[in-house]
C-alpha atoms as a PDB file:
ATOM      1  CA  MET A   1      11.186  -5.293  -0.678  1.00  0.00           C
ATOM      2  CA  ARG A   2       9.027  -2.654  -2.327  1.00  0.00           C
ATOM      3  CA  LEU A   3       5.799  -3.479  -4.162  1.00  0.00           C
ATOM      4  CA  LEU A   4       5.039  -1.698  -7.434  1.00  0.00           C
ATOM      5  CA  ILE A   5       1.314  -2.169  -8.106  1.00  0.00           C
ATOM      6  CA  ASP A   6      -0.668  -1.803 -11.332  1.00  0.00           C
ATOM      7  CA  GLY A   7      -3.643  -0.242  -9.525  1.00  0.00           C
ATOM      8  CA  HIS A   8      -6.547  -0.611 -11.943  1.00  0.00           C
ATOM      9  CA  ASN A   9      -5.353  -4.077 -12.924  1.00  0.00           C
ATOM     10  CA  LEU A  10      -5.517  -5.124  -9.266  1.00  0.00           C
ATOM     11  CA  ILE A  11      -8.923  -3.484  -8.676  1.00  0.00           C
ATOM     12  CA  GLY A  12     -10.279  -5.427 -11.660  1.00  0.00           C
ATOM     13  CA  GLN A  13      -9.586  -8.656  -9.751  1.00  0.00           C
ATOM     14  CA  MET A  14     -11.115  -7.629  -6.414  1.00  0.00           C
ATOM     15  CA  ARG A  15     -14.558  -8.674  -5.217  1.00  0.00           C
ATOM     16  CA  ASP A  16     -15.304  -5.707  -2.981  1.00  0.00           C
ATOM     17  CA  ILE A  17     -13.873  -2.826  -5.044  1.00  0.00           C
ATOM     18  CA  ARG A  18     -15.213  -2.092  -8.528  1.00  0.00           C
ATOM     19  CA  LEU A  19     -13.602  -0.136 -11.350  1.00  0.00           C
ATOM     20  CA  ASP A  20     -16.843   1.822 -11.884  1.00  0.00           C
ATOM     21  CA  ASP A  21     -16.802   3.066  -8.270  1.00  0.00           C
ATOM     22  CA  PRO A  22     -15.671   6.728  -8.220  1.00  0.00           C
ATOM     23  CA  HIS A  23     -13.746   5.994  -5.001  1.00  0.00           C
ATOM     24  CA  ASP A  24     -12.041   2.795  -6.177  1.00  0.00           C
ATOM     25  CA  GLU A  25      -8.518   4.236  -6.060  1.00  0.00           C
ATOM     26  CA  ALA A  26      -9.006   5.586  -2.522  1.00  0.00           C
ATOM     27  CA  LYS A  27     -10.430   2.255  -1.349  1.00  0.00           C
ATOM     28  CA  LEU A  28      -7.471   0.347  -2.772  1.00  0.00           C
ATOM     29  CA  ALA A  29      -5.020   2.822  -1.249  1.00  0.00           C
ATOM     30  CA  MET A  30      -6.656   2.363   2.176  1.00  0.00           C
ATOM     31  CA  ARG A  31      -6.539  -1.423   1.889  1.00  0.00           C
ATOM     32  CA  LEU A  32      -2.865  -1.315   0.924  1.00  0.00           C
ATOM     33  CA  LYS A  33      -2.045   1.089   3.768  1.00  0.00           C
ATOM     34  CA  GLN A  34      -3.463  -1.475   6.192  1.00  0.00           C
ATOM     35  CA  TYR A  35      -1.553  -4.288   4.502  1.00  0.00           C
ATOM     36  CA  CYS A  36       1.740  -2.363   4.463  1.00  0.00           C
ATOM     37  CA  MET A  37       1.364  -1.332   8.092  1.00  0.00           C
ATOM     38  CA  ARG A  38       0.758  -4.926   9.201  1.00  0.00           C
ATOM     39  CA  HIS A  39       3.560  -6.392   7.099  1.00  0.00           C
ATOM     40  CA  ARG A  40       6.032  -3.514   7.431  1.00  0.00           C
ATOM     41  CA  ARG A  41       6.285  -3.011   3.684  1.00  0.00           C
ATOM     42  CA  HIS A  42       6.238  -0.100   1.283  1.00  0.00           C
ATOM     43  CA  CYS A  43       4.396   0.074  -2.006  1.00  0.00           C
ATOM     44  CA  THR A  44       3.761   2.372  -4.921  1.00  0.00           C
ATOM     45  CA  ILE A  45       0.407   2.176  -6.701  1.00  0.00           C
ATOM     46  CA  LEU A  46       0.214   3.520 -10.242  1.00  0.00           C
ATOM     47  CA  PHE A  47      -3.117   4.439 -11.842  1.00  0.00           C
ATOM     48  CA  ASP A  48      -4.155   5.713 -15.274  1.00  0.00           C
ATOM     49  CA  ASN A  49      -6.136   8.906 -15.802  1.00  0.00           C
ATOM     50  CA  GLY A  50      -5.499  10.950 -12.716  1.00  0.00           C
ATOM     51  CA  ILE A  51      -7.335  14.231 -12.361  1.00  0.00           C
ATOM     52  CA  VAL A  52      -3.958  15.921 -12.060  1.00  0.00           C
ATOM     53  CA  GLY A  53      -1.178  13.502 -12.918  1.00  0.00           C
ATOM     54  CA  GLY A  54       1.581  12.866 -10.407  1.00  0.00           C
ATOM     55  CA  LEU A  55       1.768  12.183  -6.682  1.00  0.00           C
ATOM     56  CA  SER A  56      -1.621  11.916  -5.014  1.00  0.00           C
ATOM     57  CA  HIS A  57      -2.939  13.141  -1.672  1.00  0.00           C
ATOM     58  CA  LEU A  58      -3.856   9.474  -1.041  1.00  0.00           C
ATOM     59  CA  SER A  59      -0.179   8.760  -0.263  1.00  0.00           C
ATOM     60  CA  ASN A  60       1.382   8.337   3.159  1.00  0.00           C
ATOM     61  CA  SER A  61       4.782   7.193   4.477  1.00  0.00           C
ATOM     62  CA  LEU A  62       4.172   3.553   3.471  1.00  0.00           C
ATOM     63  CA  VAL A  63       2.055   3.865   0.326  1.00  0.00           C
ATOM     64  CA  THR A  64       2.813   6.169  -2.587  1.00  0.00           C
ATOM     65  CA  VAL A  65      -0.081   6.736  -4.997  1.00  0.00           C
ATOM     66  CA  ILE A  66       0.740   8.093  -8.467  1.00  0.00           C
ATOM     67  CA  PHE A  67      -1.651   8.939 -11.292  1.00  0.00           C
ATOM     68  CA  ALA A  68      -0.280   8.897 -14.847  1.00  0.00           C
ATOM     69  CA  ARG A  69      -0.152  12.313 -16.455  1.00  0.00           C
ATOM     70  CA  PRO A  70      -2.171  12.881 -19.635  1.00  0.00           C
ATOM     71  CA  GLY A  71      -0.404  11.344 -22.618  1.00  0.00           C
ATOM     72  CA  THR A  72       1.099   8.471 -20.625  1.00  0.00           C
ATOM     73  CA  THR A  73      -0.172   5.345 -18.883  1.00  0.00           C
ATOM     74  CA  ALA A  74       0.400   3.546 -15.605  1.00  0.00           C
ATOM     75  CA  ASP A  75       1.766   0.618 -17.644  1.00  0.00           C
ATOM     76  CA  SER A  76       4.450   2.782 -19.281  1.00  0.00           C
ATOM     77  CA  LEU A  77       5.428   4.259 -15.892  1.00  0.00           C
ATOM     78  CA  ILE A  78       5.757   0.760 -14.390  1.00  0.00           C
ATOM     79  CA  ILE A  79       7.878  -0.414 -17.341  1.00  0.00           C
ATOM     80  CA  GLU A  80      10.083   2.670 -16.992  1.00  0.00           C
ATOM     81  CA  ARG A  81      10.633   1.926 -13.279  1.00  0.00           C
ATOM     82  CA  ILE A  82      11.459  -1.711 -14.046  1.00  0.00           C
ATOM     83  CA  ARG A  83      14.086  -0.604 -16.563  1.00  0.00           C
ATOM     84  CA  ARG A  84      15.591   1.948 -14.149  1.00  0.00           C
ATOM     85  CA  THR A  85      15.880  -0.319 -11.111  1.00  0.00           C
ATOM     86  CA  SER A  86      19.432  -1.031 -10.050  1.00  0.00           C
ATOM     87  CA  ASP A  87      18.354  -3.778  -7.616  1.00  0.00           C
ATOM     88  CA  PRO A  88      15.733  -6.042  -9.239  1.00  0.00           C
ATOM     89  CA  ALA A  89      15.444  -8.253  -6.140  1.00  0.00           C
ATOM     90  CA  SER A  90      14.288  -5.276  -4.053  1.00  0.00           C
ATOM     91  CA  LEU A  91      11.211  -4.746  -6.224  1.00  0.00           C
ATOM     92  CA  THR A  92       8.108  -6.901  -6.776  1.00  0.00           C
ATOM     93  CA  ILE A  93       5.559  -6.055  -9.459  1.00  0.00           C
ATOM     94  CA  VAL A  94       1.845  -6.773  -8.884  1.00  0.00           C
ATOM     95  CA  THR A  95       0.056  -7.075 -12.234  1.00  0.00           C
ATOM     96  CA  SER A  96      -1.451  -9.495 -14.704  1.00  0.00           C
ATOM     97  CA  ASP A  97      -0.564  -7.337 -17.716  1.00  0.00           C
ATOM     98  CA  ARG A  98       1.486  -9.420 -20.181  1.00  0.00           C
ATOM     99  CA  GLN A  99       3.662  -6.574 -21.450  1.00  0.00           C
ATOM    100  CA  ILE A 100       4.654  -5.519 -17.918  1.00  0.00           C
ATOM    101  CA  ARG A 101       5.279  -9.128 -16.890  1.00  0.00           C
ATOM    102  CA  ALA A 102       7.510  -9.691 -19.952  1.00  0.00           C
ATOM    103  CA  GLU A 103       9.559  -6.568 -19.142  1.00  0.00           C
ATOM    104  CA  ALA A 104       9.885  -7.629 -15.493  1.00  0.00           C
ATOM    105  CA  HIS A 105      11.040 -11.084 -16.618  1.00  0.00           C
ATOM    106  CA  ARG A 106      13.695  -9.531 -18.915  1.00  0.00           C
ATOM    107  CA  HIS A 107      15.057  -7.522 -15.965  1.00  0.00           C
ATOM    108  CA  LYS A 108      14.697 -10.375 -13.427  1.00  0.00           C
ATOM    109  CA  VAL A 109      12.145  -8.451 -11.342  1.00  0.00           C
ATOM    110  CA  PRO A 110       9.722 -10.760  -9.463  1.00  0.00           C
ATOM    111  CA  VAL A 111       6.021 -10.581 -10.368  1.00  0.00           C
ATOM    112  CA  VAL A 112       2.925 -11.507  -8.372  1.00  0.00           C
ATOM    113  CA  LEU A 113      -0.200 -11.920 -10.504  1.00  0.00           C
ATOM    114  CA  SER A 114      -3.084  -9.656  -9.457  1.00  0.00           C
ATOM    115  CA  PRO A 115      -5.478 -12.531  -8.570  1.00  0.00           C
ATOM    116  CA  ASP A 116      -2.767 -14.070  -6.370  1.00  0.00           C
ATOM    117  CA  PHE A 117      -2.164 -10.778  -4.584  1.00  0.00           C
ATOM    118  CA  VAL A 118      -5.919 -10.355  -4.029  1.00  0.00           C
ATOM    119  CA  ARG A 119      -5.866 -13.740  -2.263  1.00  0.00           C
ATOM    120  CA  ILE A 120      -3.000 -12.509  -0.077  1.00  0.00           C
ATOM    121  CA  LEU A 121      -4.990  -9.365   0.792  1.00  0.00           C
ATOM    122  CA  GLU A 122      -8.124 -11.391   1.543  1.00  0.00           C
ATOM    123  CA  THR A 123      -6.586 -14.170   3.637  1.00  0.00           C
ATOM    124  CA  PRO A 124      -7.937 -14.249   7.180  1.00  0.00           C
ATOM    125  CA  SER A 125      -4.415 -14.203   8.599  1.00  0.00           C
ATOM    126  CA  SER A 126      -3.758 -10.839   6.971  1.00  0.00           C
ATOM    127  CA  SER A 127      -6.604  -9.288   8.953  1.00  0.00           C
ATOM    128  CA  LYS A 128      -6.145 -11.180  12.233  1.00  0.00           C
ATOM    129  CA  VAL A 129      -4.516  -9.419  15.113  1.00  0.00           C
ATOM    130  CA  ASP A 130      -4.474 -12.523  17.351  1.00  0.00           C
ATOM    131  CA  ASP A 131      -1.463 -14.084  15.600  1.00  0.00           C
ATOM    132  CA  GLU A 132       0.678 -10.973  15.811  1.00  0.00           C
ATOM    133  CA  ASP A 133       3.592 -10.508  18.178  1.00  0.00           C
ATOM    134  CA  PRO A 134       2.255  -9.676  21.658  1.00  0.00           C
ATOM    135  CA  ASP A 135       5.214  -7.341  22.177  1.00  0.00           C
ATOM    136  CA  PRO A 136       5.604  -5.615  18.795  1.00  0.00           C
ATOM    137  CA  VAL A 137       8.393  -3.206  17.929  1.00  0.00           C
ATOM    138  CA  ILE A 138       6.990   0.092  16.751  1.00  0.00           C
ATOM    139  CA  THR A 139       9.160   1.875  14.211  1.00  0.00           C
ATOM    140  CA  ALA A 140       9.620   5.628  13.972  1.00  0.00           C
ATOM    141  CA  ALA A 141       7.735   5.539  10.634  1.00  0.00           C
ATOM    142  CA  GLU A 142       4.735   3.877  12.313  1.00  0.00           C
ATOM    143  CA  VAL A 143       4.741   6.453  15.116  1.00  0.00           C
ATOM    144  CA  GLU A 144       4.920   9.233  12.513  1.00  0.00           C
ATOM    145  CA  TYR A 145       2.022   7.689  10.577  1.00  0.00           C
ATOM    146  CA  TRP A 146      -0.260   7.392  13.621  1.00  0.00           C
ATOM    147  CA  LEU A 147       0.612  10.885  14.848  1.00  0.00           C
ATOM    148  CA  ALA A 148      -0.387  12.176  11.417  1.00  0.00           C
ATOM    149  CA  VAL A 149      -3.667  10.250  11.627  1.00  0.00           C
ATOM    150  CA  PHE A 150      -4.625  11.161  15.187  1.00  0.00           C
ATOM    151  CA  GLY A 151      -2.506  14.218  15.888  1.00  0.00           C
ATOM    152  CA  SER A 152      -0.532  14.831  19.019  1.00  0.00           C
ATOM    153  CA  VAL A 153      -2.536  13.928  22.118  1.00  0.00           C
ATOM    154  CA  PRO A 154      -1.279  15.093  25.515  1.00  0.00           C
ATOM    155  CA  ILE A 155      -0.986  12.402  28.135  1.00  0.00           C
ATOM    156  CA  VAL A 156      -2.903  13.335  31.248  1.00  0.00           C
ATOM    157  CA  PRO A 157      -2.270  11.231  34.341  1.00  0.00           C
ATOM    158  CA  LYS A 158      -5.285   9.670  36.016  1.00  0.00           C
ATOM    159  CA  PRO A 159      -6.243  11.322  39.297  1.00  0.00           C
ATOM    160  CA  ARG A 160      -5.424   9.169  42.287  1.00  0.00           C
ATOM    161  CA  LYS A 161      -8.211   7.996  44.525  1.00  0.00           C
ATOM    162  CA  ARG A 162      -8.033   9.434  47.964  1.00  0.00           C
ATOM    163  CA  LYS A 163      -8.406   7.159  50.915  1.00  0.00           C
ATOM    164  CA  LYS A 164     -11.247   7.987  53.213  1.00  0.00           C
ATOM    165  CA  ASN A 165     -10.268   8.875  56.717  1.00  0.00           C
ATOM    166  CA  THR A 166     -12.256   6.873  59.247  1.00  0.00           C
END
């Protein structure tokens, strides 16, 4: 299931990210990257008023960040994607915007209200590592993501300790 997120609408509901922060979009993208990595999900965040509309450098393999081009809005882009979806059950919209919610309802696309999604992001279990599988399966996408973050690191074997001759 893919999340389609009304970015500024979600930020407006968060306690630790403010709409007047010049880095609010980057902070939300980072938070959602962590969430998507933990829950093995993908999401697209749409924002209004991008410096240069379109795909953002804030994107990675799990989170796609898109800024609306001048003359359009994130809301209209979300509505367009709702109308174009061929599999409504594979998409979940995160917003509290009434117009978007009404369009999602008409097309039978599930909606999570922004305050409810903030609670999901802020639950202690979403940040705990203790409850996770002790033997996790790492996907190729996760390996690709971490290699992009840290780069390729050669594995150097530890030198063996020599026994002292007595």
